[in-house]
Protein backbone atom coordinates (compact mmCIF):
# COMPACT_ATOMS: atom_id res chain seq x y z
CA MET A 1 93.60 86.20 90.99
CA ASN A 2 93.92 82.59 92.09
CA LYS A 3 94.64 80.96 95.42
CA ARG A 4 98.24 80.33 94.51
CA LEU A 5 98.86 84.05 94.26
CA ASP A 6 97.41 84.52 97.74
CA ASN A 7 99.28 81.60 99.26
CA THR A 8 102.71 82.14 97.75
CA CYS A 9 103.04 85.83 97.08
CA SER A 10 101.48 87.65 100.01
CA ASN A 11 104.32 87.29 102.51
CA LYS A 12 107.78 88.63 101.70
CA MET A 13 109.31 87.03 104.75
CA LYS A 14 108.27 83.52 103.72
CA TRP A 15 109.77 84.01 100.26
CA GLY A 16 112.93 85.43 101.81
CA GLN A 17 113.21 82.33 103.94
CA THR A 18 112.67 80.16 100.85
CA ILE A 19 115.43 81.94 98.95
CA PHE A 20 117.72 81.68 101.97
CA GLY A 21 116.96 77.98 102.09
CA ALA A 22 117.82 77.60 98.41
CA LEU A 23 121.10 79.42 98.93
CA LEU A 24 121.89 77.26 101.93
CA ALA A 25 121.05 74.14 99.93
CA LEU A 26 123.36 75.32 97.16
CA SER A 27 126.22 75.71 99.63
CA LEU A 28 125.59 72.26 101.06
CA VAL A 29 125.47 70.68 97.61
CA LEU A 30 128.71 72.30 96.51
CA LEU A 31 130.42 71.21 99.72
CA SER A 32 129.09 67.68 99.58
CA GLY A 33 129.81 67.11 95.90
CA GLY A 34 126.12 66.64 95.15
CA ASN A 35 125.73 63.43 97.13
CA ALA A 36 122.51 64.59 98.78
CA TRP A 37 120.96 65.42 95.43
CA ALA A 38 122.09 62.17 93.88
CA SER A 39 120.47 60.32 96.76
CA SER A 40 117.22 62.26 96.36
CA ASN A 41 117.22 61.71 92.62
CA GLU A 42 117.36 57.95 93.10
CA GLN A 43 113.97 58.27 94.79
CA LEU A 44 112.37 59.89 91.75
CA LYS A 45 110.34 57.60 89.52
CA TRP A 46 111.29 58.68 86.02
CA ILE A 47 109.10 57.48 83.16
CA GLU A 48 110.86 57.05 79.84
CA GLY A 49 109.34 58.45 76.65
CA GLY A 50 107.80 56.57 73.76
CA ARG A 51 104.49 56.10 75.57
CA LYS A 52 101.35 57.94 76.65
CA VAL A 53 101.44 59.48 80.13
CA ASP A 54 98.71 60.97 82.30
CA LEU A 55 98.67 64.58 83.49
CA GLY A 56 96.54 63.71 86.48
CA LYS A 57 92.86 63.35 85.68
CA MET A 58 92.94 66.26 83.23
CA ALA A 59 94.95 65.24 80.17
CA THR A 60 97.37 62.87 78.50
CA VAL A 61 100.59 63.47 76.56
CA GLU A 62 102.07 61.22 73.89
CA LEU A 63 105.65 61.41 75.12
CA ASP A 64 108.40 61.51 72.51
CA SER A 65 111.11 58.88 72.97
CA SER A 66 113.67 61.65 73.58
CA LEU A 67 111.87 62.78 76.74
CA LEU A 68 111.42 61.82 80.37
CA PHE A 69 108.37 62.37 82.55
CA LEU A 70 107.60 62.82 86.24
CA ASP A 71 104.06 62.46 87.53
CA ALA A 72 102.40 64.91 89.94
CA ALA A 73 103.86 63.38 93.10
CA ASN A 74 107.40 63.25 91.73
CA THR A 75 107.14 66.76 90.29
CA ALA A 76 106.21 67.97 93.77
CA LYS A 77 109.15 66.01 95.14
CA VAL A 78 111.51 67.94 92.84
CA SER A 79 110.12 71.17 94.31
CA GLU A 80 110.89 69.86 97.78
CA MET A 81 114.40 68.96 96.64
CA ASN A 82 114.74 72.61 95.57
CA HIS A 83 113.58 73.70 99.05
CA GLU A 84 110.37 75.02 97.50
CA LYS A 85 106.93 74.24 98.87
CA PRO A 86 104.92 72.42 96.18
CA SER A 87 101.91 74.36 94.94
CA GLY A 88 99.63 71.35 95.16
CA LYS A 89 98.58 72.14 91.58
CA GLU A 90 101.27 70.08 89.85
CA ILE A 91 100.03 67.45 87.40
CA GLY A 92 103.36 66.45 85.82
CA SER A 93 106.62 67.62 84.29
CA ILE A 94 108.71 66.82 81.21
CA PHE A 95 112.49 66.84 80.80
CA PRO A 96 114.88 66.07 77.93
CA LYS A 97 116.65 62.74 78.12
CA ASP A 98 119.75 64.37 76.59
CA GLU A 99 121.85 65.58 79.53
CA ASN A 100 123.32 68.33 77.34
CA GLN A 101 119.91 70.01 77.13
CA ASN A 102 118.87 72.20 80.02
CA TRP A 103 115.13 72.86 80.02
CA GLU A 104 111.96 71.58 81.63
CA VAL A 105 108.21 71.99 81.31
CA VAL A 106 106.00 71.86 84.40
CA PHE A 107 102.23 71.42 84.07
CA GLU A 108 99.79 72.68 86.68
CA TYR A 109 96.01 72.74 86.79
CA TYR A 110 93.85 75.53 88.21
CA GLU A 111 90.12 75.01 88.68
CA LEU A 112 88.78 78.56 88.81
CA GLY A 113 85.65 78.19 86.75
CA HIS A 114 84.97 78.19 83.02
CA ILE A 115 86.87 81.04 81.37
CA LYS A 116 84.85 82.56 78.55
CA ASP A 117 86.79 83.36 75.39
CA ASP A 118 84.48 86.19 74.24
CA GLU A 119 87.50 88.52 73.99
CA LYS A 120 89.38 86.33 71.55
CA GLU A 121 89.12 88.90 68.77
CA ASP A 122 89.53 91.93 71.04
CA ILE A 123 92.56 91.33 73.27
CA ASP A 124 94.04 94.79 73.81
CA ALA A 125 97.77 94.02 73.75
CA ASP A 126 98.74 97.71 73.94
CA GLY A 127 96.44 98.32 76.90
CA ILE A 128 97.76 95.26 78.77
CA LEU A 129 101.35 96.32 78.11
CA ASP A 130 100.65 99.85 79.36
CA SER A 131 99.13 98.36 82.51
CA TYR A 132 102.26 96.35 83.22
CA LYS A 133 104.52 99.31 82.51
CA GLU A 134 102.56 101.58 84.84
CA GLY A 135 102.58 98.98 87.57
CA THR A 136 106.32 98.36 87.42
CA GLU A 137 107.14 102.07 87.17
CA GLU A 138 105.14 102.73 90.32
CA SER A 139 106.84 99.85 92.11
CA ASN A 140 110.29 101.04 90.97
CA LYS A 141 109.91 104.31 92.90
CA GLU A 142 110.55 102.45 96.12
CA LYS A 143 113.52 100.43 94.86
CA ALA A 144 117.21 100.96 94.27
CA GLU A 145 118.16 101.19 90.59
CA SER A 146 119.78 97.75 90.60
CA ASP A 147 116.54 96.21 91.90
CA ARG A 148 114.20 97.87 89.43
CA LEU A 149 112.30 96.07 86.70
CA TYR A 150 111.31 97.67 83.40
CA VAL A 151 108.75 96.15 81.06
CA THR A 152 109.99 96.92 77.54
CA GLY A 153 107.49 95.26 75.23
CA TRP A 154 106.12 92.04 73.86
CA ASP A 155 108.22 89.11 72.76
CA VAL A 156 104.97 87.50 71.62
CA GLU A 157 101.75 89.52 71.77
CA PRO A 158 98.85 87.70 73.44
CA PHE A 159 97.00 85.46 71.03
CA TYR A 160 94.28 82.86 71.40
CA ASN A 161 93.97 79.71 69.31
CA GLU A 162 90.26 79.00 69.16
CA ALA A 163 90.77 75.50 67.77
CA THR A 164 92.97 74.35 70.67
CA HIS A 165 91.76 76.88 73.27
CA ASN A 166 95.35 77.90 74.01
CA LEU A 167 96.19 81.41 75.23
CA THR A 168 99.83 82.38 74.72
CA TRP A 169 101.92 85.47 75.41
CA SER A 170 105.52 86.41 76.15
CA MET A 171 106.66 89.68 77.70
CA LEU A 172 110.06 91.37 77.56
CA ALA A 173 111.61 93.15 80.53
CA GLU A 174 114.99 94.22 81.82
CA ASP A 175 116.50 95.06 85.18
CA GLY A 176 118.36 98.21 86.21
CA ASN A 177 121.55 96.91 84.58
CA LYS A 178 119.82 96.28 81.24
CA GLU A 179 119.93 92.52 81.65
CA LYS A 180 117.03 90.97 79.75
CA LEU A 181 114.22 88.90 81.23
CA ILE A 182 111.40 87.12 79.45
CA ASN A 183 108.25 85.50 80.75
CA TYR A 184 106.68 82.95 78.43
CA ASN A 185 103.14 81.81 79.20
CA VAL A 186 100.82 79.15 77.80
CA ARG A 187 97.34 78.50 79.18
CA LEU A 188 95.20 75.61 77.90
CA LEU A 189 91.57 76.37 78.75
CA THR A 190 89.49 73.47 80.03
CA ARG A 191 85.92 72.90 81.11
CA GLN A 192 86.39 74.38 84.58
CA GLY A 193 89.73 76.15 84.55
CA TYR A 194 93.05 75.92 82.75
CA ILE A 195 96.26 73.93 82.46
CA SER A 196 99.40 76.02 82.76
CA ALA A 197 102.51 74.95 80.84
CA ILE A 198 105.58 76.48 82.48
CA LEU A 199 108.72 76.41 80.35
CA VAL A 200 112.07 76.96 82.04
CA SER A 201 114.97 77.53 79.67
CA ASP A 202 118.15 79.56 79.22
CA PRO A 203 118.91 82.51 76.92
CA ALA A 204 121.01 80.61 74.41
CA HIS A 205 118.40 77.93 73.77
CA LEU A 206 115.13 79.75 74.41
CA ASP A 207 113.93 79.91 70.81
CA ALA A 208 114.72 76.26 70.18
CA ASP A 209 113.07 75.19 73.43
CA LYS A 210 109.92 77.21 72.70
CA LYS A 211 109.79 75.64 69.25
CA PHE A 212 110.10 72.15 70.75
CA LEU A 213 107.38 72.90 73.29
CA ASN A 214 104.98 74.19 70.65
CA GLU A 215 105.72 71.52 68.05
CA LYS A 216 106.59 68.36 69.99
CA ILE A 217 104.81 68.61 73.32
CA LEU A 218 101.68 70.78 73.27
CA PRO A 219 100.26 69.23 70.05
CA LYS A 220 100.60 65.82 71.73
CA LEU A 221 98.62 66.97 74.78
CA THR A 222 94.96 65.86 74.81
CA VAL A 223 92.49 67.03 77.42
CA LYS A 224 90.43 64.07 78.59
CA SER A 225 86.79 63.65 77.62
CA GLY A 226 84.54 65.38 80.09
CA GLU A 227 87.22 67.96 80.94
CA ARG A 228 87.50 69.60 77.51
CA TYR A 229 86.60 73.23 76.99
CA GLU A 230 83.65 72.26 74.81
CA ASP A 231 82.33 69.94 77.56
CA PHE A 232 81.21 72.99 79.55
CA ASN A 233 77.71 72.62 81.01
CA ALA A 234 76.07 76.00 81.61
CA SER A 235 73.53 74.51 84.00
CA THR A 236 76.06 72.97 86.38
CA ASP A 237 79.50 74.54 85.86
CA LYS A 238 80.82 77.67 87.52
CA ILE A 239 81.81 80.67 85.38
CA ALA A 240 85.17 82.32 86.13
CA GLU A 241 85.10 85.92 87.27
CA TYR A 242 87.34 87.05 84.42
CA GLY A 243 88.04 86.36 80.75
CA LEU A 244 91.17 86.18 78.63
CA THR A 245 92.44 89.66 79.50
CA GLY A 246 91.94 89.00 83.18
CA LEU A 247 93.85 85.73 82.84
CA ILE A 248 96.81 87.59 81.33
CA LEU A 249 96.77 90.38 83.89
CA GLY A 250 96.01 88.24 86.90
CA GLY A 251 97.87 85.07 86.04
CA ALA A 252 101.25 86.31 84.85
CA GLY A 253 103.85 85.90 87.54
CA LEU A 254 105.45 89.16 86.46
CA ALA A 255 102.52 91.14 87.84
CA VAL A 256 102.69 89.41 91.19
CA ALA A 257 106.45 89.38 91.44
CA LYS A 258 106.78 93.12 91.02
CA LYS A 259 104.37 93.69 93.90
CA VAL A 260 106.57 91.93 96.45
CA GLY A 261 109.99 92.40 94.87
CA LEU A 262 110.52 88.73 94.05
CA LEU A 263 112.12 89.38 90.68
CA ALA A 264 114.58 91.75 92.33
CA LEU A 265 115.48 89.07 94.86
CA LEU A 266 115.91 86.43 92.18
CA ILE A 267 117.93 88.74 89.94
CA ALA A 268 120.23 89.46 92.87
CA PHE A 269 120.57 85.74 93.55
CA PHE A 270 121.52 84.88 89.98
CA LYS A 271 123.92 87.82 89.68
CA GLY A 272 125.62 86.72 92.86
CA ALA A 273 125.98 83.23 91.45
CA GLY A 274 127.36 84.59 88.18
CA ILE A 275 124.47 83.15 86.17
CA LYS A 276 122.77 84.84 83.22
CA VAL A 277 119.30 83.38 82.90
CA ILE A 278 115.91 84.06 81.47
CA ILE A 279 113.10 83.61 83.96
CA LEU A 280 110.07 82.08 82.32
CA ILE A 281 107.09 82.44 84.61
CA GLY A 282 104.01 80.38 83.98
CA ALA A 283 101.23 80.22 86.56
CA ALA A 284 101.65 83.00 89.10
CA CYS A 285 104.95 82.52 90.91
CA ALA A 286 105.39 78.96 89.69
CA GLY A 287 108.54 78.38 87.70
CA MET A 288 110.63 80.99 89.50
CA PHE A 289 112.23 78.44 91.72
CA GLY A 290 112.13 76.01 88.83
CA VAL A 291 114.91 78.18 87.44
CA ILE A 292 116.83 77.76 90.68
CA GLY A 293 116.17 74.07 90.26
CA LYS A 294 117.90 74.13 86.88
CA PHE A 295 121.05 75.26 88.64
CA PHE A 296 120.96 71.97 90.49
CA ALA A 297 119.75 69.91 87.55
CA LYS A 298 123.15 68.72 86.37
CA LEU A 299 123.82 67.33 89.84
CA PHE A 300 121.03 64.78 89.60
CA ARG A 301 120.67 64.31 85.85
CA LYS A 302 123.88 62.31 85.83
CA LYS A 303 121.98 59.74 87.85
CA LYS A 304 118.79 60.17 85.88
CA SER A 305 119.57 57.88 82.95
CA GLU A 306 120.71 55.11 85.28
CA SER A 307 117.55 55.53 87.35
CA VAL A 308 115.34 55.36 84.25
CA HIS A 309 117.25 52.38 82.90
CA ASN A 310 116.86 50.46 86.15
CA GLU A 311 113.15 51.27 86.42
CA THR A 312 112.56 50.26 82.80
CA ASN A 313 114.30 46.94 83.43
CA VAL A 314 112.09 46.32 86.46
CA GLN A 315 108.99 47.09 84.39
CA ASP A 316 110.14 44.83 81.55
CA GLN A 317 110.83 41.97 83.97
CA SER A 318 107.41 42.44 85.54
CA GLU A 319 105.72 42.35 82.13
CA THR A 320 107.64 39.19 81.23
CA LEU A 321 106.52 37.45 84.43
CA GLN A 322 102.92 38.38 83.68
């Protein structure tokens, strides 16, 4: 289990304060007509697609012209705008340029040691599912019916692509009112850890957004030389304490969330706001408040295109002068 789990999921009170802060921010935004968010958005340095962008020191992405990109610092700034403490693991995020689309992908990097893929042919999907079911059933005993979470099965059983070193899985769950939840996870193994791709979407467009992620974004991601999985040096590099199964069990936010009741809190928040959403949890608790961020997204996306246009003009003028 990584440091993020320890730092962000061990204290219910801190998360309660975070959620309260998000609710308070929502009230302020609605009362102010979104002026505060528009102002914050103007400070974001959007990078327009049609070029190669860096995911920190770890990787690059050939960005489609229909997309927008925020680097690590600006991705963290979005978290702060959402009244969420940045994880410190952010390496970039991607958004659609089309304001009618409502999804985002956040990339984070975790250096936990080289994760061996010895289990690639022996991932016990049934055993992992049973583990999650047992854990949630035990946790449910202490909760009201409306706050309970039930793991119902796999949306996508865990599978490992040996050629790209990607580990993917997607789990189905529902709350006490039979409202469906899905967590979709992609891990890209590297020399000394993994890159987590966190997709945040909505129920109506989930399949299309997953398809876009897997066909238009992930294939364009290239881990930099020296950081690739095959660059592992047994004489100098640390070995992770777990393999692929441990990554699924220890890294899925669903396992952590059920321990401290975070999903129940979030479900209650979204019900109160009249929103039907799918929570897609990537690395640990990351992405949960990304969903809250999507509620605000329309408030600053209206300014996004203008911001990108202005920045592009500045860059073009600079290139002309050079």
